[in-house]
């Protein structure tokens, strides 16, 4: 998480929590010529469009007041979805013993995408069970991760 994303999270988390939601993630990214601030919210039930509108309406003026982002951007509030990006240790902790997909910068065992069960992690690496063996992946080699939702079970 960048320092900007961390500052946005610190600013918005108490407000969003008071509305009855959790902040799953904050992502600030450029797509084409446009900048996007994406706030992913969650709760114990299901996130609806009305939930996203409620959070959006509650944070827009605050973001303008604190002015953490100096350039023009688009604000998006949404659910993290069933298959969620994994970007923090908190996210990793949520998916211990769950199936995840890891995209690598540099191939490991001739693969740049590895799917398996997340067994553990520390500051430097994650450990996954892939078929009948455990593999260790340096976090610096990970370009992105997400959980893999079991569509057949649900």
N, C-alpha and C. Protein backbone atom coordinates (compact mmCIF):
# COMPACT_ATOMS: atom_id res chain seq x y z
N UNK A 1 0.86 -1.18 0.00
CA UNK A 1 0.00 0.00 0.00
C UNK A 1 0.90 1.24 0.00
N UNK A 2 0.61 2.19 -0.88
CA UNK A 2 1.41 3.40 -0.95
C UNK A 2 1.10 4.30 0.24
N UNK A 3 1.93 5.31 0.46
CA UNK A 3 1.68 6.22 1.58
C UNK A 3 0.39 7.01 1.35
N UNK A 4 0.09 7.37 0.12
CA UNK A 4 -1.16 8.06 -0.18
C UNK A 4 -2.35 7.17 0.18
N UNK A 5 -2.31 5.90 -0.25
CA UNK A 5 -3.40 4.97 0.07
C UNK A 5 -3.54 4.79 1.58
N UNK A 6 -2.42 4.72 2.29
CA UNK A 6 -2.45 4.58 3.75
C UNK A 6 -3.08 5.80 4.40
N UNK A 7 -2.74 6.99 3.92
CA UNK A 7 -3.32 8.22 4.48
C UNK A 7 -4.82 8.32 4.20
N UNK A 8 -5.23 7.92 3.00
CA UNK A 8 -6.66 7.91 2.68
C UNK A 8 -7.37 6.92 3.60
N UNK A 9 -6.78 5.74 3.79
CA UNK A 9 -7.37 4.72 4.67
C UNK A 9 -7.53 5.26 6.09
N UNK A 10 -6.47 5.87 6.63
CA UNK A 10 -6.54 6.42 8.00
C UNK A 10 -7.62 7.48 8.13
N UNK A 11 -7.78 8.28 7.09
CA UNK A 11 -8.79 9.34 7.11
C UNK A 11 -10.20 8.79 7.04
N UNK A 12 -10.42 7.82 6.16
CA UNK A 12 -11.78 7.36 5.88
C UNK A 12 -12.26 6.20 6.74
N UNK A 13 -11.34 5.40 7.26
CA UNK A 13 -11.74 4.20 8.00
C UNK A 13 -12.74 4.47 9.12
N UNK A 14 -12.49 5.46 10.00
CA UNK A 14 -13.47 5.68 11.08
C UNK A 14 -14.86 6.09 10.57
N UNK A 15 -14.88 6.86 9.51
CA UNK A 15 -16.16 7.31 8.95
C UNK A 15 -16.92 6.13 8.36
N UNK A 16 -16.22 5.32 7.59
CA UNK A 16 -16.85 4.16 6.95
C UNK A 16 -17.27 3.13 8.00
N UNK A 17 -16.44 2.93 9.02
CA UNK A 17 -16.81 2.01 10.11
C UNK A 17 -18.07 2.48 10.83
N UNK A 18 -18.19 3.80 11.04
CA UNK A 18 -19.38 4.35 11.71
C UNK A 18 -20.65 4.15 10.90
N UNK A 19 -20.50 3.96 9.59
CA UNK A 19 -21.65 3.70 8.73
C UNK A 19 -22.04 2.21 8.74
N UNK A 20 -21.21 1.38 9.38
CA UNK A 20 -21.51 -0.05 9.47
C UNK A 20 -20.77 -0.92 8.46
N UNK A 21 -19.70 -0.37 7.88
CA UNK A 21 -18.94 -1.12 6.88
C UNK A 21 -17.47 -1.19 7.30
N UNK A 22 -16.76 -2.11 6.68
CA UNK A 22 -15.32 -2.22 6.85
C UNK A 22 -14.67 -1.79 5.55
N UNK A 23 -13.45 -1.23 5.65
CA UNK A 23 -12.69 -0.92 4.44
C UNK A 23 -11.83 -2.14 4.15
N UNK A 24 -12.09 -2.79 3.01
CA UNK A 24 -11.26 -3.93 2.62
C UNK A 24 -9.95 -3.45 1.99
N UNK A 25 -10.03 -2.42 1.16
CA UNK A 25 -8.82 -1.93 0.49
C UNK A 25 -9.04 -0.53 -0.04
N UNK A 26 -7.92 0.17 -0.26
CA UNK A 26 -7.90 1.48 -0.90
C UNK A 26 -6.84 1.39 -1.98
N UNK A 27 -7.22 1.71 -3.21
CA UNK A 27 -6.27 1.64 -4.32
C UNK A 27 -6.35 2.95 -5.10
N UNK A 28 -5.20 3.58 -5.28
CA UNK A 28 -5.10 4.77 -6.13
C UNK A 28 -4.25 4.38 -7.32
N UNK A 29 -4.84 4.47 -8.52
CA UNK A 29 -4.10 4.03 -9.70
C UNK A 29 -4.48 4.86 -10.92
N UNK A 30 -3.57 4.85 -11.85
CA UNK A 30 -3.77 5.56 -13.12
C UNK A 30 -4.18 4.54 -14.18
N UNK A 31 -5.22 4.89 -14.93
CA UNK A 31 -5.64 4.07 -16.07
C UNK A 31 -5.77 5.01 -17.26
N UNK A 32 -4.93 4.80 -18.24
CA UNK A 32 -4.90 5.73 -19.37
C UNK A 32 -4.45 7.09 -18.86
N UNK A 33 -5.24 8.11 -19.16
CA UNK A 33 -4.89 9.45 -18.70
C UNK A 33 -5.59 9.82 -17.38
N UNK A 34 -6.42 8.94 -16.86
CA UNK A 34 -7.23 9.25 -15.68
C UNK A 34 -6.70 8.56 -14.42
N UNK A 35 -6.89 9.24 -13.28
CA UNK A 35 -6.55 8.69 -11.97
C UNK A 35 -7.83 8.24 -11.28
N UNK A 36 -7.74 7.12 -10.57
CA UNK A 36 -8.89 6.56 -9.86
C UNK A 36 -8.52 6.29 -8.40
N UNK A 37 -9.40 6.72 -7.50
CA UNK A 37 -9.32 6.33 -6.10
C UNK A 37 -10.44 5.34 -5.88
N UNK A 38 -10.05 4.09 -5.61
CA UNK A 38 -11.04 3.02 -5.44
C UNK A 38 -11.07 2.60 -3.97
N UNK A 39 -12.26 2.67 -3.39
CA UNK A 39 -12.48 2.28 -2.01
C UNK A 39 -13.34 1.02 -2.05
N UNK A 40 -12.82 -0.06 -1.49
CA UNK A 40 -13.55 -1.33 -1.46
C UNK A 40 -14.09 -1.54 -0.05
N UNK A 41 -15.41 -1.67 0.05
CA UNK A 41 -16.07 -1.82 1.35
C UNK A 41 -16.66 -3.21 1.49
N UNK A 42 -16.84 -3.62 2.74
CA UNK A 42 -17.39 -4.94 3.01
C UNK A 42 -18.25 -4.87 4.26
N UNK A 43 -19.06 -5.87 4.47
CA UNK A 43 -19.83 -6.04 5.71
C UNK A 43 -20.16 -7.52 5.86
N UNK A 44 -20.91 -7.85 6.86
CA UNK A 44 -21.24 -9.26 7.11
C UNK A 44 -22.28 -9.79 6.13
N UNK A 45 -23.03 -8.88 5.52
CA UNK A 45 -24.07 -9.28 4.58
C UNK A 45 -23.51 -9.17 3.17
N UNK A 46 -24.22 -8.50 2.33
CA UNK A 46 -23.84 -8.32 0.93
C UNK A 46 -23.83 -6.83 0.63
N UNK A 47 -22.82 -6.36 -0.08
CA UNK A 47 -22.74 -4.95 -0.44
C UNK A 47 -23.65 -4.69 -1.64
N UNK A 48 -24.51 -3.67 -1.49
CA UNK A 48 -25.43 -3.30 -2.57
C UNK A 48 -24.99 -1.97 -3.17
N UNK A 49 -25.62 -1.61 -4.26
CA UNK A 49 -25.37 -0.31 -4.89
C UNK A 49 -25.71 0.81 -3.92
N UNK A 50 -26.77 0.64 -3.14
CA UNK A 50 -27.17 1.65 -2.16
C UNK A 50 -26.09 1.82 -1.09
N UNK A 51 -25.45 0.73 -0.69
CA UNK A 51 -24.35 0.82 0.29
C UNK A 51 -23.21 1.66 -0.29
N UNK A 52 -22.87 1.40 -1.54
CA UNK A 52 -21.78 2.13 -2.19
C UNK A 52 -22.11 3.62 -2.31
N UNK A 53 -23.37 3.92 -2.66
CA UNK A 53 -23.80 5.32 -2.76
C UNK A 53 -23.74 6.01 -1.40
N UNK A 54 -24.17 5.31 -0.36
CA UNK A 54 -24.17 5.86 1.00
C UNK A 54 -22.75 6.22 1.43
N UNK A 55 -21.80 5.32 1.20
CA UNK A 55 -20.40 5.57 1.56
C UNK A 55 -19.84 6.70 0.70
N UNK A 56 -20.10 6.63 -0.61
CA UNK A 56 -19.61 7.68 -1.52
C UNK A 56 -20.07 9.06 -1.06
N UNK A 57 -21.37 9.19 -0.77
CA UNK A 57 -21.92 10.48 -0.34
C UNK A 57 -21.31 10.95 0.98
N UNK A 58 -20.95 10.01 1.84
CA UNK A 58 -20.40 10.36 3.16
C UNK A 58 -18.92 10.74 3.12
N UNK A 59 -18.20 10.32 2.10
CA UNK A 59 -16.74 10.57 2.09
C UNK A 59 -16.30 11.62 1.08
N UNK A 60 -17.15 11.96 0.12
CA UNK A 60 -16.74 12.88 -0.95
C UNK A 60 -16.29 14.23 -0.39
N UNK A 61 -17.10 14.85 0.46
CA UNK A 61 -16.74 16.17 1.00
C UNK A 61 -15.50 16.09 1.89
N UNK A 62 -15.37 14.99 2.63
CA UNK A 62 -14.20 14.83 3.50
C UNK A 62 -12.92 14.73 2.67
N UNK A 63 -12.98 13.96 1.59
CA UNK A 63 -11.81 13.86 0.71
C UNK A 63 -11.44 15.22 0.12
N UNK A 64 -12.45 16.01 -0.23
CA UNK A 64 -12.19 17.36 -0.75
C UNK A 64 -11.56 18.25 0.32
N UNK A 65 -12.03 18.14 1.56
CA UNK A 65 -11.52 18.95 2.66
C UNK A 65 -10.06 18.63 2.99
N UNK A 66 -9.75 17.36 3.14
CA UNK A 66 -8.38 16.99 3.54
C UNK A 66 -7.40 17.13 2.38
N UNK A 67 -7.91 17.07 1.14
CA UNK A 67 -7.12 17.36 -0.06
C UNK A 67 -5.81 16.57 -0.12
N UNK A 68 -5.90 15.27 0.14
CA UNK A 68 -4.71 14.42 0.08
C UNK A 68 -4.23 14.18 -1.35
N UNK A 69 -5.17 14.27 -2.29
CA UNK A 69 -4.85 14.01 -3.70
C UNK A 69 -4.96 15.35 -4.43
N UNK A 70 -3.83 15.81 -4.93
CA UNK A 70 -3.77 17.14 -5.53
C UNK A 70 -4.28 17.16 -6.97
N UNK A 71 -4.17 16.05 -7.67
CA UNK A 71 -4.61 16.02 -9.07
C UNK A 71 -6.06 15.56 -9.16
N UNK A 72 -6.65 15.75 -10.32
CA UNK A 72 -8.04 15.31 -10.54
C UNK A 72 -8.10 13.79 -10.54
N UNK A 73 -9.16 13.24 -9.96
CA UNK A 73 -9.34 11.79 -9.92
C UNK A 73 -10.81 11.45 -9.89
N UNK A 74 -11.11 10.21 -10.20
CA UNK A 74 -12.47 9.69 -10.11
C UNK A 74 -12.54 8.81 -8.86
N UNK A 75 -13.59 9.00 -8.06
CA UNK A 75 -13.81 8.19 -6.87
C UNK A 75 -14.76 7.06 -7.21
N UNK A 76 -14.36 5.83 -6.85
CA UNK A 76 -15.22 4.66 -7.03
C UNK A 76 -15.32 3.94 -5.69
N UNK A 77 -16.53 3.64 -5.27
CA UNK A 77 -16.76 2.85 -4.06
C UNK A 77 -17.46 1.57 -4.51
N UNK A 78 -16.91 0.43 -4.11
CA UNK A 78 -17.51 -0.84 -4.53
C UNK A 78 -17.20 -1.95 -3.55
N UNK A 79 -17.80 -3.09 -3.82
CA UNK A 79 -17.50 -4.32 -3.07
C UNK A 79 -16.17 -4.87 -3.58
N UNK A 80 -15.42 -5.56 -2.74
CA UNK A 80 -14.21 -6.21 -3.24
C UNK A 80 -14.50 -7.42 -4.11
N UNK A 81 -15.74 -7.88 -4.14
CA UNK A 81 -16.11 -9.02 -4.98
C UNK A 81 -15.80 -10.35 -4.30
N UNK A 82 -16.09 -11.42 -5.01
CA UNK A 82 -15.84 -12.77 -4.47
C UNK A 82 -14.37 -13.14 -4.59
N UNK A 83 -13.75 -12.78 -5.71
CA UNK A 83 -12.31 -13.00 -5.87
C UNK A 83 -11.64 -11.66 -5.64
N UNK A 84 -10.93 -11.58 -4.52
CA UNK A 84 -10.42 -10.30 -4.04
C UNK A 84 -8.91 -10.19 -4.22
N UNK A 85 -8.47 -9.00 -4.54
CA UNK A 85 -7.03 -8.74 -4.56
C UNK A 85 -6.48 -8.95 -3.15
N UNK A 86 -5.31 -9.52 -3.10
CA UNK A 86 -4.61 -9.70 -1.82
C UNK A 86 -3.39 -8.79 -1.88
N UNK A 87 -3.37 -7.75 -1.03
CA UNK A 87 -2.28 -6.78 -1.09
C UNK A 87 -1.57 -6.56 0.23
N UNK A 88 -2.17 -6.98 1.33
CA UNK A 88 -1.58 -6.70 2.63
C UNK A 88 -1.47 -7.99 3.45
N UNK A 89 -0.71 -7.92 4.52
CA UNK A 89 -0.62 -9.07 5.42
C UNK A 89 -1.98 -9.39 6.04
N UNK A 90 -2.78 -8.37 6.29
CA UNK A 90 -4.14 -8.59 6.80
C UNK A 90 -4.95 -9.42 5.81
N UNK A 91 -4.82 -9.09 4.52
CA UNK A 91 -5.50 -9.87 3.49
C UNK A 91 -4.97 -11.31 3.47
N UNK A 92 -3.64 -11.46 3.51
CA UNK A 92 -3.06 -12.81 3.52
C UNK A 92 -3.61 -13.62 4.68
N UNK A 93 -3.72 -12.99 5.85
CA UNK A 93 -4.22 -13.69 7.03
C UNK A 93 -5.65 -14.20 6.82
N UNK A 94 -6.45 -13.44 6.08
CA UNK A 94 -7.84 -13.84 5.80
C UNK A 94 -7.91 -15.11 4.95
N UNK A 95 -6.85 -15.36 4.16
CA UNK A 95 -6.91 -16.44 3.20
C UNK A 95 -5.95 -17.60 3.50
N UNK A 96 -5.50 -17.71 4.75
CA UNK A 96 -4.71 -18.87 5.16
C UNK A 96 -5.57 -20.13 4.96
N UNK A 97 -4.97 -21.16 4.38
CA UNK A 97 -5.63 -22.43 4.07
C UNK A 97 -6.73 -22.31 3.01
N UNK A 98 -6.66 -21.24 2.23
CA UNK A 98 -7.59 -21.04 1.12
C UNK A 98 -6.80 -21.06 -0.19
N UNK A 99 -7.51 -21.31 -1.28
CA UNK A 99 -6.87 -21.31 -2.60
C UNK A 99 -6.65 -19.88 -3.07
N UNK A 100 -5.41 -19.59 -3.52
CA UNK A 100 -5.08 -18.28 -4.06
C UNK A 100 -4.35 -18.44 -5.39
N UNK A 101 -4.34 -17.37 -6.15
CA UNK A 101 -3.61 -17.32 -7.42
C UNK A 101 -2.57 -16.22 -7.31
N UNK A 102 -1.33 -16.55 -7.64
CA UNK A 102 -0.22 -15.61 -7.51
C UNK A 102 0.40 -15.39 -8.89
N UNK A 103 0.50 -14.13 -9.29
CA UNK A 103 1.15 -13.75 -10.54
C UNK A 103 2.55 -13.25 -10.20
N UNK A 104 3.55 -13.74 -10.93
CA UNK A 104 4.94 -13.44 -10.63
C UNK A 104 5.57 -12.54 -11.69
N UNK A 105 6.55 -11.75 -11.27
CA UNK A 105 7.34 -10.97 -12.21
C UNK A 105 8.29 -11.89 -12.98
N UNK A 106 8.89 -12.83 -12.23
CA UNK A 106 9.88 -13.74 -12.80
C UNK A 106 9.40 -15.17 -12.56
N UNK A 107 9.44 -16.00 -13.60
CA UNK A 107 8.93 -17.37 -13.51
C UNK A 107 9.60 -18.16 -12.39
N UNK A 108 8.81 -18.99 -11.74
CA UNK A 108 9.30 -19.91 -10.71
C UNK A 108 8.87 -21.30 -11.16
N UNK A 109 9.84 -22.19 -11.30
CA UNK A 109 9.56 -23.54 -11.82
C UNK A 109 8.80 -23.46 -13.15
N UNK A 110 9.25 -22.54 -14.00
CA UNK A 110 8.72 -22.33 -15.36
C UNK A 110 7.29 -21.82 -15.40
N UNK A 111 6.82 -21.25 -14.28
CA UNK A 111 5.46 -20.72 -14.22
C UNK A 111 5.46 -19.28 -13.72
N UNK A 112 4.63 -18.45 -14.35
CA UNK A 112 4.46 -17.07 -13.89
C UNK A 112 3.14 -16.88 -13.15
N UNK A 113 2.26 -17.89 -13.23
CA UNK A 113 1.01 -17.87 -12.47
C UNK A 113 0.93 -19.19 -11.71
N UNK A 114 0.83 -19.08 -10.39
CA UNK A 114 0.81 -20.28 -9.54
C UNK A 114 -0.47 -20.26 -8.71
N UNK A 115 -1.18 -21.38 -8.72
CA UNK A 115 -2.40 -21.52 -7.94
C UNK A 115 -2.20 -22.64 -6.92
N UNK A 116 -2.56 -22.36 -5.68
CA UNK A 116 -2.43 -23.36 -4.63
C UNK A 116 -3.03 -22.86 -3.33
N UNK A 117 -2.80 -23.60 -2.28
CA UNK A 117 -3.34 -23.26 -0.95
C UNK A 117 -2.29 -22.46 -0.19
N UNK A 118 -2.69 -21.28 0.29
CA UNK A 118 -1.80 -20.45 1.10
C UNK A 118 -1.63 -21.10 2.46
N UNK A 119 -0.40 -21.44 2.80
CA UNK A 119 -0.13 -22.10 4.08
C UNK A 119 0.37 -21.12 5.14
N UNK A 120 1.26 -20.20 4.74
CA UNK A 120 1.81 -19.24 5.71
C UNK A 120 2.46 -18.09 4.96
N UNK A 121 2.87 -17.10 5.73
CA UNK A 121 3.58 -15.95 5.16
C UNK A 121 4.39 -15.28 6.26
N UNK A 122 5.38 -14.52 5.85
CA UNK A 122 6.11 -13.65 6.76
C UNK A 122 6.48 -12.39 5.98
N UNK A 123 7.40 -11.59 6.50
CA UNK A 123 7.74 -10.32 5.84
C UNK A 123 8.30 -10.52 4.45
N UNK A 124 9.05 -11.60 4.24
CA UNK A 124 9.76 -11.80 2.98
C UNK A 124 9.09 -12.72 1.98
N UNK A 125 8.26 -13.65 2.45
CA UNK A 125 7.77 -14.68 1.52
C UNK A 125 6.39 -15.19 1.91
N UNK A 126 5.80 -15.92 0.95
CA UNK A 126 4.59 -16.68 1.24
C UNK A 126 4.91 -18.14 0.95
N UNK A 127 4.21 -19.04 1.62
CA UNK A 127 4.39 -20.48 1.40
C UNK A 127 3.04 -21.04 0.96
N UNK A 128 3.08 -21.77 -0.18
CA UNK A 128 1.86 -22.35 -0.74
C UNK A 128 2.01 -23.85 -0.91
N UNK A 129 0.91 -24.54 -0.77
CA UNK A 129 0.83 -25.96 -1.09
C UNK A 129 0.33 -26.04 -2.52
N UNK A 130 1.17 -26.56 -3.42
CA UNK A 130 0.81 -26.70 -4.82
C UNK A 130 0.90 -28.18 -5.16
N UNK A 131 -0.24 -28.78 -5.43
CA UNK A 131 -0.32 -30.22 -5.64
C UNK A 131 0.27 -30.93 -4.42
N UNK A 132 1.35 -31.67 -4.58
CA UNK A 132 1.89 -32.45 -3.46
C UNK A 132 3.15 -31.84 -2.85
N UNK A 133 3.43 -30.57 -3.13
CA UNK A 133 4.64 -29.97 -2.55
C UNK A 133 4.39 -28.55 -2.08
N UNK A 134 5.22 -28.12 -1.13
CA UNK A 134 5.17 -26.74 -0.65
C UNK A 134 6.20 -25.94 -1.41
N UNK A 135 5.80 -24.73 -1.83
CA UNK A 135 6.76 -23.84 -2.47
C UNK A 135 6.77 -22.51 -1.74
N UNK A 136 7.93 -21.89 -1.74
CA UNK A 136 8.12 -20.59 -1.11
C UNK A 136 8.30 -19.55 -2.21
N UNK A 137 7.61 -18.43 -2.09
CA UNK A 137 7.68 -17.38 -3.09
C UNK A 137 8.07 -16.07 -2.40
N UNK A 138 9.14 -15.45 -2.89
CA UNK A 138 9.54 -14.15 -2.36
C UNK A 138 8.47 -13.12 -2.68
N UNK A 139 8.10 -12.31 -1.70
CA UNK A 139 7.08 -11.29 -1.93
C UNK A 139 7.53 -10.29 -3.00
N UNK A 140 8.83 -10.05 -3.11
CA UNK A 140 9.32 -9.10 -4.11
C UNK A 140 9.09 -9.60 -5.53
N UNK A 141 8.84 -10.89 -5.72
CA UNK A 141 8.59 -11.47 -7.04
C UNK A 141 7.10 -11.52 -7.38
N UNK A 142 6.24 -11.06 -6.47
CA UNK A 142 4.79 -11.14 -6.68
C UNK A 142 4.28 -9.84 -7.30
N UNK A 143 3.65 -9.96 -8.47
CA UNK A 143 3.07 -8.78 -9.10
C UNK A 143 1.63 -8.56 -8.63
N UNK A 144 0.89 -9.65 -8.43
CA UNK A 144 -0.45 -9.54 -7.85
C UNK A 144 -0.89 -10.90 -7.34
N UNK A 145 -1.86 -10.84 -6.42
CA UNK A 145 -2.45 -12.06 -5.85
C UNK A 145 -3.95 -11.85 -5.69
N UNK A 146 -4.67 -12.96 -5.73
CA UNK A 146 -6.10 -12.92 -5.44
C UNK A 146 -6.52 -14.27 -4.90
N UNK A 147 -7.63 -14.27 -4.16
CA UNK A 147 -8.19 -15.55 -3.74
C UNK A 147 -8.94 -16.15 -4.92
N UNK A 148 -9.11 -17.47 -4.90
CA UNK A 148 -9.84 -18.16 -5.96
C UNK A 148 -11.13 -18.69 -5.35
N UNK A 149 -12.24 -18.15 -5.80
CA UNK A 149 -13.55 -18.54 -5.30
C UNK A 149 -13.94 -19.89 -5.90
N UNK A 150 -14.48 -20.77 -5.08
CA UNK A 150 -14.91 -22.08 -5.55
C UNK A 150 -16.35 -21.97 -6.05
N UNK A 151 -16.50 -21.81 -7.35
CA UNK A 151 -17.81 -21.60 -7.97
C UNK A 151 -18.68 -22.86 -7.90
N UNK A 152 -18.08 -24.02 -7.86
CA UNK A 152 -18.84 -25.27 -7.85
C UNK A 152 -19.44 -25.57 -6.50
N UNK A 153 -18.80 -25.08 -5.45
CA UNK A 153 -19.26 -25.38 -4.10
C UNK A 153 -20.42 -24.49 -3.68
N UNK A 154 -20.52 -23.30 -4.28
CA UNK A 154 -21.54 -22.32 -3.84
C UNK A 154 -22.61 -22.08 -4.86
